Protein backbone atom coordinates (compact mmCIF):
# COMPACT_ATOMS: atom_id res chain seq x y z
CA MET A 1 0.00 0.00 0.00
CA PHE A 2 2.87 2.37 0.82
CA ASN A 3 4.52 1.86 -2.63
CA TYR A 4 1.21 2.54 -4.39
CA ILE A 5 0.89 5.96 -2.72
CA ARG A 6 4.46 6.92 -3.72
CA ALA A 7 3.75 5.95 -7.34
CA ASP A 8 0.69 8.22 -7.41
CA GLU A 9 2.68 11.11 -5.94
CA SER A 10 5.44 10.73 -8.51
CA HIS A 11 2.91 11.05 -11.33
CA LEU A 12 1.54 14.20 -9.71
CA VAL A 13 5.03 15.67 -9.47
CA LEU A 14 5.59 14.91 -13.14
CA ILE A 15 2.28 16.44 -14.18
CA PHE A 16 2.22 19.56 -11.98
CA VAL A 17 5.92 20.40 -11.58
CA VAL A 18 8.07 18.96 -14.36
CA ALA A 19 5.66 19.49 -17.26
CA PRO A 20 5.11 23.26 -16.59
CA LEU A 21 8.85 23.77 -16.12
CA LEU A 22 9.54 21.98 -19.40
CA LEU A 23 6.94 24.11 -21.21
CA LEU A 24 8.46 27.25 -19.67
CA LEU A 25 11.93 26.19 -20.87
CA VAL A 26 10.69 25.53 -24.41
CA ALA A 27 8.86 28.88 -24.52
CA GLY A 28 11.96 30.69 -23.23
CA ILE A 29 14.20 29.12 -25.87
CA PHE A 30 11.66 29.95 -28.60
CA LEU A 31 11.44 33.60 -27.52
CA TRP A 32 15.22 33.90 -27.19
CA VAL A 33 15.79 32.56 -30.70
CA ARG A 34 12.94 34.59 -32.19
CA TYR A 35 13.97 37.96 -30.77
CA THR A 36 17.77 37.74 -31.00
CA PRO A 37 18.90 40.42 -33.47
CA ARG A 38 20.28 39.18 -36.76
CA SER A 39 24.04 39.21 -37.18
CA SER A 40 24.18 38.80 -40.97
CA ALA A 41 22.27 40.05 -43.99
CA LYS A 42 22.60 38.03 -47.18
CA PHE A 43 21.72 39.34 -50.61
CA PRO A 44 22.11 37.67 -54.03
CA THR A 45 25.40 39.42 -54.82
CA PHE A 46 26.85 40.33 -51.40
CA SER A 47 26.56 39.85 -47.66
CA VAL A 48 27.10 42.07 -44.62
CA SER A 49 27.70 40.64 -41.16
CA LEU A 50 28.27 41.99 -37.67
CA SER A 51 30.82 40.37 -35.39
CA LYS A 52 31.15 41.49 -31.79
CA VAL A 53 34.39 40.60 -30.07
CA HIS A 54 33.11 42.00 -26.79
CA ARG A 55 30.87 44.91 -25.84
CA GLU A 56 33.44 47.57 -26.76
CA VAL A 57 34.70 46.14 -30.06
CA ALA A 58 32.64 45.21 -33.12
CA TYR A 59 33.49 44.63 -36.76
CA ILE A 60 31.35 44.79 -39.88
CA TYR A 61 32.34 42.40 -42.66
CA TYR A 62 31.37 43.00 -46.29
CA ARG A 63 31.75 40.13 -48.78
CA ASP A 64 30.95 39.82 -52.45
CA ASP A 65 32.39 37.85 -55.36
CA LYS A 66 35.54 39.98 -55.59
CA LYS A 67 36.01 41.64 -52.20
CA ARG A 68 36.21 40.74 -48.54
CA LEU A 69 36.37 43.92 -46.48
CA GLU A 70 36.49 44.52 -42.74
CA PHE A 71 35.28 47.74 -41.10
CA TYR A 72 36.00 48.60 -37.48
CA ALA A 73 32.76 49.67 -35.80
CA GLY A 74 33.91 50.24 -32.22
CA PRO A 75 31.23 50.07 -29.54
CA ALA A 76 28.23 49.47 -31.80
CA ASP A 77 24.69 49.08 -30.61
CA ARG A 78 21.59 48.49 -32.72
CA LYS A 79 20.83 52.21 -32.84
CA HIS A 80 23.96 53.79 -34.29
CA VAL A 81 27.24 52.66 -35.79
CA TYR A 82 30.21 54.60 -37.17
CA LEU A 83 32.34 52.94 -39.86
CA SER A 84 35.58 54.10 -41.46
CA ALA A 85 36.41 53.05 -45.01
CA SER A 86 39.96 51.85 -45.51
CA LYS A 87 42.53 54.10 -47.17
CA GLU A 88 43.36 51.34 -49.64
CA LEU A 89 39.89 51.37 -51.23
CA SER A 90 39.75 53.14 -54.57
CA VAL A 91 36.99 55.56 -55.55
CA GLU A 92 35.47 52.92 -57.85
CA ASP A 93 35.42 50.37 -55.03
CA LEU A 94 33.79 52.91 -52.71
CA ARG A 95 31.08 53.67 -55.28
CA GLU A 96 30.28 49.97 -55.48
CA VAL A 97 30.64 48.98 -51.81
CA VAL A 98 29.08 51.90 -49.92
CA PRO A 99 25.47 51.57 -51.26
CA ASN A 100 25.54 47.80 -50.67
CA LEU A 101 27.00 48.28 -47.20
CA ALA A 102 24.31 50.84 -46.35
CA LYS A 103 21.60 48.44 -47.55
CA GLY A 104 23.10 45.64 -45.45
CA LEU A 105 23.32 47.82 -42.32
CA ALA A 106 19.66 48.78 -42.73
CA GLU A 107 18.76 45.11 -43.08
CA LEU A 108 20.68 44.32 -39.88
CA GLY A 109 18.48 46.82 -38.04
CA PHE A 110 20.81 49.75 -37.47
CA GLN A 111 18.60 52.81 -37.12
CA HIS A 112 21.38 55.25 -37.99
CA TYR A 113 24.83 54.73 -39.44
CA THR A 114 27.69 56.86 -40.70
CA ILE A 115 30.29 55.65 -43.17
CA ARG A 116 33.27 57.92 -43.73
CA THR A 117 36.70 57.78 -45.33
CA GLN A 118 39.74 57.52 -43.09
CA SER A 119 42.07 59.71 -45.10
CA GLU A 120 39.86 62.71 -45.87
CA ASN A 121 37.35 62.29 -43.03
CA GLN A 122 34.61 62.82 -45.60
CA ILE A 123 31.15 61.37 -44.87
CA LEU A 124 30.17 58.98 -47.65
CA VAL A 125 26.70 58.06 -46.43
CA SER A 126 24.73 58.73 -43.28
CA GLY A 127 21.30 57.70 -42.09
CA PRO A 128 19.02 54.77 -42.75
CA GLN A 129 18.71 53.41 -46.27
CA LYS A 130 15.29 54.13 -47.76
CA GLN A 131 13.73 51.00 -49.15
CA ASN A 132 12.21 51.46 -52.60
CA GLY A 133 10.58 48.43 -54.13
CA ASP A 134 10.59 50.03 -57.60
CA SER A 135 14.38 50.12 -57.99
CA PRO A 136 15.68 48.08 -60.94
CA SER A 137 18.12 45.23 -60.27
C-alpha cells in the first residue's frame, strides 16, 4: 500500500511540476531565438555581417564575389554605428561597396549609421537606407 501511494505522488510531481517547467523552458528558448537580433544580412550578390568581439569592439564584414572587407565599428549598438572606409579602397570600389554596405546595415536593423573615409574624413553616407521596391536590379 505504501509503494502505491508513492507511485501516485510521482505522477503528480511529473504532471504539476516537471511538465510546466519543461513548457516554460521551451517557450523561453523559442522567444530567445525569435527575438535575438540578426548578425548577418545576405543578398544575391553580397553579404554584410556583424561580429562582436566583446561589448566595446565590433566589426562589420562585407563580402561579395571579388572583395572581402572589414570595417571597425567600435562600440556598436543596434541604434547607431560609425564605420571608417579603408585608405586602400579606390573611388570605384567605394562607389560599389558603400550603397551595398548601407543596404546591409539597414537590413541588420541599425537605425542610424555613418560611413566615412579615413584619409579625408569625408562622410560617404549617413542615415538609414530608404527602401524602394521600384528600384531596378
